[in-house]
Amino acid sequence: MPSLSPSESYLLDFHARLAGVTARWFATAPVQRKGEVFPSTYSLLEAVVPGDAQPRVVLDLACGDGHLLELLAKREQPGLSLLGLDMSEHELAAARARLKGAATLHLGRAQALPFADASVDVVLSHLALMLMDDVETVLTELRRVLKPGGTVSVVIGGDLVRGDAVEVFAGLLKPLLAAEARPWLPLGDPRVRSAEGLKVLFQDGFLDVAIQDLSVQGDGEPRSVWDSLRTTYDADRLSPPARASLEATFLQAVEPQRRADGTVSCRWGMRQLTATSRRP
């Protein structure tokens, strides 16, 4: 791969230390979309792929440890060819162990996909597009590799859900980040983090762009919720003393929110964007 940006270098280090962490927290977390509850955000993406026997190539972009590809492989669907790409060799090692040859995996960057023009029917991506440098080049590559009329569907971070543990965490985190001596390291393009920005980015080369809000349930006892929040990129980049301070203040702050069963509410706001590649 070419020389990496500071943000890409950080992401590689993070996923070397915490390979599989995304699936750990979200593979079994129920998600609500338009009042309907689904098993997980991964299952929303899996459902985008039709279940017929038509030959179809599906690419999981930034496939991580291969959980989404495994869901598709378990269909044992005739004609379904699975591809995965990730820039982390550690995540790909986990994916190889999980998939056992059920998908063809590639080490690489989304800005330079190693696939032929018009060779992919469906591109899926889970919690990755909002982290990518030069997102316009990424979208150019998606348009290039997708067949005319092909589908792209991505799950990305969304708006903060008010009134629960994530809002408490975000409020406590902000001053700690501001006080850190290290410079702020932006991840990805901020336009990807808003519905308006997504519409602008996908207005060229795509049709039928649909953006749906998601609410992902991560409820649990305060310590379990903290364990998920501390593996967010922002918390991970805190110095050890700042992270320890955040842990103590967070656990104290959410204690009054405990319900009768000992859990606290933890909701992750996300979005799902689905679009069709424009025919020439």
C-alpha atoms as a PDB file:
ATOM      1  CA  MET A   1       0.000   0.000   0.000  1.00  0.00           C
ATOM      2  CA  PRO A   2       1.126   3.615  -0.516  1.00  0.00           C
ATOM      3  CA  SER A   3       2.278   5.739   2.397  1.00  0.00           C
ATOM      4  CA  LEU A   4      -0.493   6.167   4.936  1.00  0.00           C
ATOM      5  CA  SER A   5      -1.972   9.341   6.373  1.00  0.00           C
ATOM      6  CA  PRO A   6      -1.772   9.930  10.144  1.00  0.00           C
ATOM      7  CA  SER A   7      -5.408   8.891  10.531  1.00  0.00           C
ATOM      8  CA  GLU A   8      -4.870   5.671   8.554  1.00  0.00           C
ATOM      9  CA  SER A   9      -1.765   4.867  10.615  1.00  0.00           C
ATOM     10  CA  TYR A  10      -3.802   5.319  13.787  1.00  0.00           C
ATOM     11  CA  LEU A  11      -6.622   3.113  12.478  1.00  0.00           C
ATOM     12  CA  LEU A  12      -4.151   0.363  11.591  1.00  0.00           C
ATOM     13  CA  ASP A  13      -2.689   0.517  15.086  1.00  0.00           C
ATOM     14  CA  PHE A  14      -6.155   0.467  16.659  1.00  0.00           C
ATOM     15  CA  HIS A  15      -7.268  -2.584  14.692  1.00  0.00           C
ATOM     16  CA  ALA A  16      -3.989  -4.371  15.338  1.00  0.00           C
ATOM     17  CA  ARG A  17      -4.707  -4.030  19.056  1.00  0.00           C
ATOM     18  CA  LEU A  18      -8.461  -4.599  18.855  1.00  0.00           C
ATOM     19  CA  ALA A  19      -9.145  -6.751  15.801  1.00  0.00           C
ATOM     20  CA  GLY A  20     -12.790  -7.785  15.687  1.00  0.00           C
ATOM     21  CA  VAL A  21     -13.941  -5.111  18.115  1.00  0.00           C
ATOM     22  CA  THR A  22     -16.674  -3.748  15.829  1.00  0.00           C
ATOM     23  CA  ALA A  23     -18.378  -7.120  15.457  1.00  0.00           C
ATOM     24  CA  ARG A  24     -17.865  -7.755  19.177  1.00  0.00           C
ATOM     25  CA  TRP A  25     -20.169  -4.873  20.072  1.00  0.00           C
ATOM     26  CA  PHE A  26     -22.575  -4.758  17.145  1.00  0.00           C
ATOM     27  CA  ALA A  27     -23.012  -8.315  15.791  1.00  0.00           C
ATOM     28  CA  THR A  28     -25.774  -9.054  18.309  1.00  0.00           C
ATOM     29  CA  ALA A  29     -26.996  -5.520  19.124  1.00  0.00           C
ATOM     30  CA  PRO A  30     -30.661  -5.091  18.047  1.00  0.00           C
ATOM     31  CA  VAL A  31     -31.346  -2.128  15.783  1.00  0.00           C
ATOM     32  CA  GLN A  32     -34.544  -0.183  15.216  1.00  0.00           C
ATOM     33  CA  ARG A  33     -35.364   1.273  11.794  1.00  0.00           C
ATOM     34  CA  LYS A  34     -38.675   3.008  11.162  1.00  0.00           C
ATOM     35  CA  GLY A  35     -40.204   1.339  14.216  1.00  0.00           C
ATOM     36  CA  GLU A  36     -39.173  -2.170  13.162  1.00  0.00           C
ATOM     37  CA  VAL A  37     -36.526  -4.118  15.108  1.00  0.00           C
ATOM     38  CA  PHE A  38     -33.822  -6.130  13.332  1.00  0.00           C
ATOM     39  CA  PRO A  39     -31.161  -8.463  14.821  1.00  0.00           C
ATOM     40  CA  SER A  40     -28.225  -6.154  14.044  1.00  0.00           C
ATOM     41  CA  THR A  41     -26.828  -3.537  11.692  1.00  0.00           C
ATOM     42  CA  TYR A  42     -24.968  -6.356   9.948  1.00  0.00           C
ATOM     43  CA  SER A  43     -28.277  -8.123   9.273  1.00  0.00           C
ATOM     44  CA  LEU A  44     -29.622  -4.931   7.658  1.00  0.00           C
ATOM     45  CA  LEU A  45     -26.746  -5.021   5.182  1.00  0.00           C
ATOM     46  CA  GLU A  46     -27.049  -8.747   4.581  1.00  0.00           C
ATOM     47  CA  ALA A  47     -30.721  -8.280   3.674  1.00  0.00           C
ATOM     48  CA  VAL A  48     -29.742  -5.924   0.825  1.00  0.00           C
ATOM     49  CA  VAL A  49     -28.404  -8.924  -1.138  1.00  0.00           C
ATOM     50  CA  PRO A  50     -31.249 -10.739  -2.949  1.00  0.00           C
ATOM     51  CA  GLY A  51     -31.719 -14.390  -2.099  1.00  0.00           C
ATOM     52  CA  ASP A  52     -32.293 -15.698  -5.620  1.00  0.00           C
ATOM     53  CA  ALA A  53     -29.928 -17.952  -7.554  1.00  0.00           C
ATOM     54  CA  GLN A  54     -28.790 -15.269 -10.001  1.00  0.00           C
ATOM     55  CA  PRO A  55     -24.976 -15.012 -10.262  1.00  0.00           C
ATOM     56  CA  ARG A  56     -23.945 -12.071  -8.110  1.00  0.00           C
ATOM     57  CA  VAL A  57     -20.642 -10.620  -6.841  1.00  0.00           C
ATOM     58  CA  VAL A  58     -20.801  -8.954  -3.417  1.00  0.00           C
ATOM     59  CA  LEU A  59     -17.979  -6.834  -1.978  1.00  0.00           C
ATOM     60  CA  ASP A  60     -17.699  -6.061   1.728  1.00  0.00           C
ATOM     61  CA  LEU A  61     -15.642  -2.863   1.813  1.00  0.00           C
ATOM     62  CA  ALA A  62     -13.552  -2.631   4.994  1.00  0.00           C
ATOM     63  CA  CYS A  63     -14.717  -6.123   5.914  1.00  0.00           C
ATOM     64  CA  GLY A  64     -12.998  -6.262   9.307  1.00  0.00           C
ATOM     65  CA  ASP A  65     -13.086  -9.713  10.867  1.00  0.00           C
ATOM     66  CA  GLY A  66     -15.547 -10.987   8.238  1.00  0.00           C
ATOM     67  CA  HIS A  67     -18.758 -11.159  10.269  1.00  0.00           C
ATOM     68  CA  LEU A  68     -20.957  -9.749   7.479  1.00  0.00           C
ATOM     69  CA  LEU A  69     -19.365 -12.039   4.903  1.00  0.00           C
ATOM     70  CA  GLU A  70     -20.001 -14.973   7.228  1.00  0.00           C
ATOM     71  CA  LEU A  71     -23.712 -14.119   7.378  1.00  0.00           C
ATOM     72  CA  LEU A  72     -23.816 -14.197   3.582  1.00  0.00           C
ATOM     73  CA  ALA A  73     -21.714 -17.369   3.338  1.00  0.00           C
ATOM     74  CA  LYS A  74     -24.074 -19.210   5.691  1.00  0.00           C
ATOM     75  CA  ARG A  75     -26.819 -18.846   3.082  1.00  0.00           C
ATOM     76  CA  GLU A  76     -24.958 -21.343   0.881  1.00  0.00           C
ATOM     77  CA  GLN A  77     -26.600 -19.454  -1.956  1.00  0.00           C
ATOM     78  CA  PRO A  78     -25.875 -20.656  -5.507  1.00  0.00           C
ATOM     79  CA  GLY A  79     -24.213 -18.032  -7.691  1.00  0.00           C
ATOM     80  CA  LEU A  80     -23.108 -15.817  -4.803  1.00  0.00           C
ATOM     81  CA  SER A  81     -19.423 -14.795  -4.968  1.00  0.00           C
ATOM     82  CA  LEU A  82     -18.082 -12.992  -1.909  1.00  0.00           C
ATOM     83  CA  LEU A  83     -15.206 -10.508  -1.809  1.00  0.00           C
ATOM     84  CA  GLY A  84     -13.742  -8.685   1.181  1.00  0.00           C
ATOM     85  CA  LEU A  85     -11.231  -5.849   1.345  1.00  0.00           C
ATOM     86  CA  ASP A  86      -9.569  -4.291   4.382  1.00  0.00           C
ATOM     87  CA  MET A  87      -6.366  -2.330   4.969  1.00  0.00           C
ATOM     88  CA  SER A  88      -5.706  -4.142   8.272  1.00  0.00           C
ATOM     89  CA  GLU A  89      -3.816  -7.412   8.001  1.00  0.00           C
ATOM     90  CA  HIS A  90      -4.849  -8.178  11.586  1.00  0.00           C
ATOM     91  CA  GLU A  91      -8.544  -7.891  10.745  1.00  0.00           C
ATOM     92  CA  LEU A  92      -8.035  -9.976   7.605  1.00  0.00           C
ATOM     93  CA  ALA A  93      -6.296 -12.679   9.638  1.00  0.00           C
ATOM     94  CA  ALA A  94      -9.388 -12.856  11.845  1.00  0.00           C
ATOM     95  CA  ALA A  95     -11.588 -12.935   8.735  1.00  0.00           C
ATOM     96  CA  ARG A  96      -9.602 -15.795   7.210  1.00  0.00           C
ATOM     97  CA  ALA A  97      -9.971 -17.815  10.391  1.00  0.00           C
ATOM     98  CA  ARG A  98     -13.710 -17.114  10.491  1.00  0.00           C
ATOM     99  CA  LEU A  99     -14.523 -17.663   6.812  1.00  0.00           C
ATOM    100  CA  LYS A 100     -12.292 -20.635   6.006  1.00  0.00           C
ATOM    101  CA  GLY A 101     -12.165 -19.821   2.294  1.00  0.00           C
ATOM    102  CA  ALA A 102     -15.819 -18.840   1.863  1.00  0.00           C
ATOM    103  CA  ALA A 103     -14.777 -15.404   0.533  1.00  0.00           C
ATOM    104  CA  THR A 104     -11.837 -14.012  -1.415  1.00  0.00           C
ATOM    105  CA  LEU A 105     -10.077 -11.488   0.812  1.00  0.00           C
ATOM    106  CA  HIS A 106      -7.836  -8.629  -0.305  1.00  0.00           C
ATOM    107  CA  LEU A 107      -5.461  -6.349   1.579  1.00  0.00           C
ATOM    108  CA  GLY A 108      -5.896  -2.814   0.254  1.00  0.00           C
ATOM    109  CA  ARG A 109      -7.446   0.632   0.476  1.00  0.00           C
ATOM    110  CA  ALA A 110     -10.876   1.744  -0.659  1.00  0.00           C
ATOM    111  CA  GLN A 111      -9.249   4.582  -2.626  1.00  0.00           C
ATOM    112  CA  ALA A 112      -7.660   2.064  -5.034  1.00  0.00           C
ATOM    113  CA  LEU A 113      -9.834  -1.019  -5.330  1.00  0.00           C
ATOM    114  CA  PRO A 114      -8.114  -4.043  -6.915  1.00  0.00           C
ATOM    115  CA  PHE A 115     -11.162  -5.008  -8.969  1.00  0.00           C
ATOM    116  CA  ALA A 116     -12.063  -4.631 -12.633  1.00  0.00           C
ATOM    117  CA  ASP A 117     -14.469  -2.031 -13.943  1.00  0.00           C
ATOM    118  CA  ALA A 118     -18.161  -3.022 -13.677  1.00  0.00           C
ATOM    119  CA  SER A 119     -17.335  -6.294 -11.927  1.00  0.00           C
ATOM    120  CA  VAL A 120     -19.348  -6.040  -8.686  1.00  0.00           C
ATOM    121  CA  ASP A 121     -23.120  -6.268  -8.224  1.00  0.00           C
ATOM    122  CA  VAL A 122     -23.387  -5.142  -4.581  1.00  0.00           C
ATOM    123  CA  VAL A 123     -21.028  -3.164  -2.341  1.00  0.00           C
ATOM    124  CA  LEU A 124     -21.677  -3.254   1.393  1.00  0.00           C
ATOM    125  CA  SER A 125     -19.793  -1.486   4.165  1.00  0.00           C
ATOM    126  CA  HIS A 126     -20.279  -1.437   7.933  1.00  0.00           C
ATOM    127  CA  LEU A 127     -19.145   1.557  10.032  1.00  0.00           C
ATOM    128  CA  ALA A 128     -16.212   2.384   7.766  1.00  0.00           C
ATOM    129  CA  LEU A 129     -17.079   4.985   5.130  1.00  0.00           C
ATOM    130  CA  MET A 130     -17.114   7.803   7.713  1.00  0.00           C
ATOM    131  CA  LEU A 131     -13.492   6.971   8.626  1.00  0.00           C
ATOM    132  CA  MET A 132     -12.013   7.012   5.125  1.00  0.00           C
ATOM    133  CA  ASP A 133      -9.675   9.673   3.769  1.00  0.00           C
ATOM    134  CA  ASP A 134     -10.506  11.251   0.406  1.00  0.00           C
ATOM    135  CA  VAL A 135     -14.068   9.950   0.365  1.00  0.00           C
ATOM    136  CA  GLU A 136     -14.712  11.380  -3.087  1.00  0.00           C
ATOM    137  CA  THR A 137     -12.023   9.081  -4.509  1.00  0.00           C
ATOM    138  CA  VAL A 138     -13.631   6.188  -2.627  1.00  0.00           C
ATOM    139  CA  LEU A 139     -16.973   6.954  -4.265  1.00  0.00           C
ATOM    140  CA  THR A 140     -15.301   7.237  -7.666  1.00  0.00           C
ATOM    141  CA  GLU A 141     -13.880   3.759  -7.120  1.00  0.00           C
ATOM    142  CA  LEU A 142     -17.282   2.420  -6.078  1.00  0.00           C
ATOM    143  CA  ARG A 143     -18.850   3.811  -9.247  1.00  0.00           C
ATOM    144  CA  ARG A 144     -16.044   2.258 -11.279  1.00  0.00           C
ATOM    145  CA  VAL A 145     -16.308  -1.288  -9.902  1.00  0.00           C
ATOM    146  CA  LEU A 146     -20.103  -1.433  -9.617  1.00  0.00           C
ATOM    147  CA  LYS A 147     -22.043  -2.772 -12.539  1.00  0.00           C
ATOM    148  CA  PRO A 148     -24.602  -0.349 -14.001  1.00  0.00           C
ATOM    149  CA  GLY A 149     -27.670  -0.695 -11.829  1.00  0.00           C
ATOM    150  CA  GLY A 150     -25.612  -2.218  -9.020  1.00  0.00           C
ATOM    151  CA  THR A 151     -26.327  -1.472  -5.375  1.00  0.00           C
ATOM    152  CA  VAL A 152     -24.300   0.129  -2.617  1.00  0.00           C
ATOM    153  CA  SER A 153     -25.444   0.055   1.000  1.00  0.00           C
ATOM    154  CA  VAL A 154     -23.460   1.379   3.952  1.00  0.00           C
ATOM    155  CA  VAL A 155     -24.031   1.707   7.677  1.00  0.00           C
ATOM    156  CA  ILE A 156     -22.357   4.761   9.175  1.00  0.00           C
ATOM    157  CA  GLY A 157     -22.408   6.752  12.386  1.00  0.00           C
ATOM    158  CA  GLY A 158     -25.387   9.034  12.923  1.00  0.00           C
ATOM    159  CA  ASP A 159     -26.693  11.601  15.359  1.00  0.00           C
ATOM    160  CA  LEU A 160     -26.308  11.380  19.110  1.00  0.00           C
ATOM    161  CA  VAL A 161     -29.282   9.758  20.844  1.00  0.00           C
ATOM    162  CA  ARG A 162     -30.345  12.041  23.667  1.00  0.00           C
ATOM    163  CA  GLY A 163     -30.959  11.073  27.247  1.00  0.00           C
ATOM    164  CA  ASP A 164     -28.882   7.965  27.796  1.00  0.00           C
ATOM    165  CA  ALA A 165     -25.370   6.709  28.528  1.00  0.00           C
ATOM    166  CA  VAL A 166     -23.857   7.690  25.187  1.00  0.00           C
ATOM    167  CA  GLU A 167     -24.883  11.318  25.693  1.00  0.00           C
ATOM    168  CA  VAL A 168     -23.380  11.267  29.205  1.00  0.00           C
ATOM    169  CA  PHE A 169     -20.177   9.779  27.785  1.00  0.00           C
ATOM    170  CA  ALA A 170     -19.957  12.355  24.981  1.00  0.00           C
ATOM    171  CA  GLY A 171     -20.429  15.230  27.407  1.00  0.00           C
ATOM    172  CA  LEU A 172     -17.690  13.993  29.728  1.00  0.00           C
ATOM    173  CA  LEU A 173     -15.330  13.175  26.859  1.00  0.00           C
ATOM    174  CA  LYS A 174     -15.403  16.576  25.167  1.00  0.00           C
ATOM    175  CA  PRO A 175     -13.449  18.592  27.788  1.00  0.00           C
ATOM    176  CA  LEU A 176     -10.916  15.786  28.203  1.00  0.00           C
ATOM    177  CA  LEU A 177     -10.184  15.794  24.484  1.00  0.00           C
ATOM    178  CA  ALA A 178      -9.848  19.582  24.525  1.00  0.00           C
ATOM    179  CA  ALA A 179      -7.359  19.403  27.407  1.00  0.00           C
ATOM    180  CA  GLU A 180      -5.087  16.790  25.820  1.00  0.00           C
ATOM    181  CA  ALA A 181      -1.687  18.027  24.662  1.00  0.00           C
ATOM    182  CA  ARG A 182      -1.713  15.906  21.508  1.00  0.00           C
ATOM    183  CA  PRO A 183      -3.188  17.514  18.375  1.00  0.00           C
ATOM    184  CA  TRP A 184      -6.697  16.551  17.309  1.00  0.00           C
ATOM    185  CA  LEU A 185      -6.701  13.789  14.698  1.00  0.00           C
ATOM    186  CA  PRO A 186      -9.752  13.991  12.435  1.00  0.00           C
ATOM    187  CA  LEU A 187     -11.026  10.724  11.002  1.00  0.00           C
ATOM    188  CA  GLY A 188     -12.729  10.804   7.625  1.00  0.00           C
ATOM    189  CA  ASP A 189     -14.801  13.472   5.913  1.00  0.00           C
ATOM    190  CA  PRO A 190     -17.344  15.271   8.139  1.00  0.00           C
ATOM    191  CA  ARG A 191     -19.868  15.302   5.287  1.00  0.00           C
ATOM    192  CA  VAL A 192     -20.326  11.554   5.710  1.00  0.00           C
ATOM    193  CA  ARG A 193     -21.599  12.144   9.254  1.00  0.00           C
ATOM    194  CA  SER A 194     -24.695  14.105   8.212  1.00  0.00           C
ATOM    195  CA  ALA A 195     -27.666  13.214   6.033  1.00  0.00           C
ATOM    196  CA  GLU A 196     -27.234  16.450   4.083  1.00  0.00           C
ATOM    197  CA  GLY A 197     -23.568  15.778   3.413  1.00  0.00           C
ATOM    198  CA  LEU A 198     -24.303  12.244   2.254  1.00  0.00           C
ATOM    199  CA  LYS A 199     -26.880  13.494  -0.224  1.00  0.00           C
ATOM    200  CA  VAL A 200     -24.302  15.849  -1.725  1.00  0.00           C
ATOM    201  CA  LEU A 201     -21.616  13.168  -1.930  1.00  0.00           C
ATOM    202  CA  PHE A 202     -23.912  10.618  -3.587  1.00  0.00           C
ATOM    203  CA  GLN A 203     -25.630  12.998  -6.012  1.00  0.00           C
ATOM    204  CA  ASP A 204     -23.183  12.149  -8.818  1.00  0.00           C
ATOM    205  CA  GLY A 205     -23.313   8.685 -10.340  1.00  0.00           C
ATOM    206  CA  PHE A 206     -26.021   7.263  -8.060  1.00  0.00           C
ATOM    207  CA  LEU A 207     -29.809   7.082  -8.190  1.00  0.00           C
ATOM    208  CA  ASP A 208     -32.521   6.262  -5.652  1.00  0.00           C
ATOM    209  CA  VAL A 209     -30.420   7.424  -2.707  1.00  0.00           C
ATOM    210  CA  ALA A 210     -32.248   6.458   0.500  1.00  0.00           C
ATOM    211  CA  ILE A 211     -30.992   7.431   3.959  1.00  0.00           C
ATOM    212  CA  GLN A 212     -32.629   5.896   7.019  1.00  0.00           C
ATOM    213  CA  ASP A 213     -31.955   6.649  10.676  1.00  0.00           C
ATOM    214  CA  LEU A 214     -31.069   3.737  12.935  1.00  0.00           C
ATOM    215  CA  SER A 215     -31.062   3.323  16.714  1.00  0.00           C
ATOM    216  CA  VAL A 216     -28.791   0.521  17.909  1.00  0.00           C
ATOM    217  CA  GLN A 217     -29.376  -0.915  21.378  1.00  0.00           C
ATOM    218  CA  GLY A 218     -26.283  -1.451  23.500  1.00  0.00           C
ATOM    219  CA  ASP A 219     -27.972  -1.551  26.913  1.00  0.00           C
ATOM    220  CA  GLY A 220     -26.169  -3.242  29.756  1.00  0.00           C
ATOM    221  CA  GLU A 221     -24.778  -2.831  33.224  1.00  0.00           C
ATOM    222  CA  PRO A 222     -22.664   0.341  33.552  1.00  0.00           C
ATOM    223  CA  ARG A 223     -19.354  -1.533  33.456  1.00  0.00           C
ATOM    224  CA  SER A 224     -20.324  -3.385  30.273  1.00  0.00           C
ATOM    225  CA  VAL A 225     -21.482  -0.156  28.647  1.00  0.00           C
ATOM    226  CA  TRP A 226     -18.199   1.497  29.607  1.00  0.00           C
ATOM    227  CA  ASP A 227     -16.277  -1.385  28.030  1.00  0.00           C
ATOM    228  CA  SER A 228     -17.988  -0.664  24.713  1.00  0.00           C
ATOM    229  CA  LEU A 229     -17.561   3.108  24.947  1.00  0.00           C
ATOM    230  CA  ARG A 230     -13.882   2.962  25.850  1.00  0.00           C
ATOM    231  CA  THR A 231     -13.166   1.226  22.545  1.00  0.00           C
ATOM    232  CA  THR A 232     -14.496   4.148  20.526  1.00  0.00           C
ATOM    233  CA  TYR A 233     -11.755   5.923  18.612  1.00  0.00           C
ATOM    234  CA  ASP A 234     -12.028   9.138  20.626  1.00  0.00           C
ATOM    235  CA  ALA A 235     -11.738   7.419  23.998  1.00  0.00           C
ATOM    236  CA  ASP A 236      -8.944   5.196  22.736  1.00  0.00           C
ATOM    237  CA  ARG A 237      -6.857   8.237  21.797  1.00  0.00           C
ATOM    238  CA  LEU A 238      -6.998   9.719  25.297  1.00  0.00           C
ATOM    239  CA  SER A 239      -3.900   9.502  27.466  1.00  0.00           C
ATOM    240  CA  PRO A 240      -4.121   6.740  30.127  1.00  0.00           C
ATOM    241  CA  PRO A 241      -4.718   9.229  32.992  1.00  0.00           C
ATOM    242  CA  ALA A 242      -7.482  10.975  31.038  1.00  0.00           C
ATOM    243  CA  ARG A 243      -9.096   7.640  30.174  1.00  0.00           C
ATOM    244  CA  ALA A 244      -8.999   6.560  33.814  1.00  0.00           C
ATOM    245  CA  SER A 245     -10.600   9.849  34.835  1.00  0.00           C
ATOM    246  CA  LEU A 246     -13.292   9.407  32.183  1.00  0.00           C
ATOM    247  CA  GLU A 247     -14.040   5.889  33.398  1.00  0.00           C
ATOM    248  CA  ALA A 248     -14.501   6.992  37.005  1.00  0.00           C
ATOM    249  CA  THR A 249     -16.667   9.994  36.204  1.00  0.00           C
ATOM    250  CA  PHE A 250     -18.760   8.080  33.671  1.00  0.00           C
ATOM    251  CA  LEU A 251     -19.542   5.197  36.009  1.00  0.00           C
ATOM    252  CA  GLN A 252     -20.484   7.652  38.736  1.00  0.00           C
ATOM    253  CA  ALA A 253     -22.629   9.757  36.379  1.00  0.00           C
ATOM    254  CA  VAL A 254     -24.705   6.853  35.013  1.00  0.00           C
ATOM    255  CA  GLU A 255     -25.288   5.148  38.357  1.00  0.00           C
ATOM    256  CA  PRO A 256     -28.565   7.080  38.908  1.00  0.00           C
ATOM    257  CA  GLN A 257     -29.749   5.860  35.474  1.00  0.00           C
ATOM    258  CA  ARG A 258     -29.726   2.199  36.531  1.00  0.00           C
ATOM    259  CA  ARG A 259     -33.040   0.477  35.966  1.00  0.00           C
ATOM    260  CA  ALA A 260     -34.577  -2.234  38.138  1.00  0.00           C
ATOM    261  CA  ASP A 261     -32.583  -4.922  36.321  1.00  0.00           C
ATOM    262  CA  GLY A 262     -29.294  -3.082  36.907  1.00  0.00           C
ATOM    263  CA  THR A 263     -28.858  -1.943  33.299  1.00  0.00           C
ATOM    264  CA  VAL A 264     -28.639   1.527  31.782  1.00  0.00           C
ATOM    265  CA  SER A 265     -29.900   2.675  28.407  1.00  0.00           C
ATOM    266  CA  CYS A 266     -27.227   2.880  25.697  1.00  0.00           C
ATOM    267  CA  ARG A 267     -28.317   3.828  22.178  1.00  0.00           C
ATOM    268  CA  TRP A 268     -26.010   4.358  19.210  1.00  0.00           C
ATOM    269  CA  GLY A 269     -27.360   6.631  16.503  1.00  0.00           C
ATOM    270  CA  MET A 270     -26.478   5.370  13.023  1.00  0.00           C
ATOM    271  CA  ARG A 271     -27.666   5.688   9.442  1.00  0.00           C
ATOM    272  CA  GLN A 272     -28.065   3.318   6.531  1.00  0.00           C
ATOM    273  CA  LEU A 273     -27.597   4.691   3.039  1.00  0.00           C
ATOM    274  CA  THR A 274     -28.597   2.617   0.033  1.00  0.00           C
ATOM    275  CA  ALA A 275     -28.229   3.742  -3.578  1.00  0.00           C
ATOM    276  CA  THR A 276     -28.158   2.423  -7.130  1.00  0.00           C
ATOM    277  CA  SER A 277     -25.265   2.913  -9.536  1.00  0.00           C
ATOM    278  CA  ARG A 278     -26.404   5.075 -12.425  1.00  0.00           C
ATOM    279  CA  ARG A 279     -26.561   3.394 -15.829  1.00  0.00           C
ATOM    280  CA  PRO A 280     -24.596   5.157 -18.568  1.00  0.00           C
END
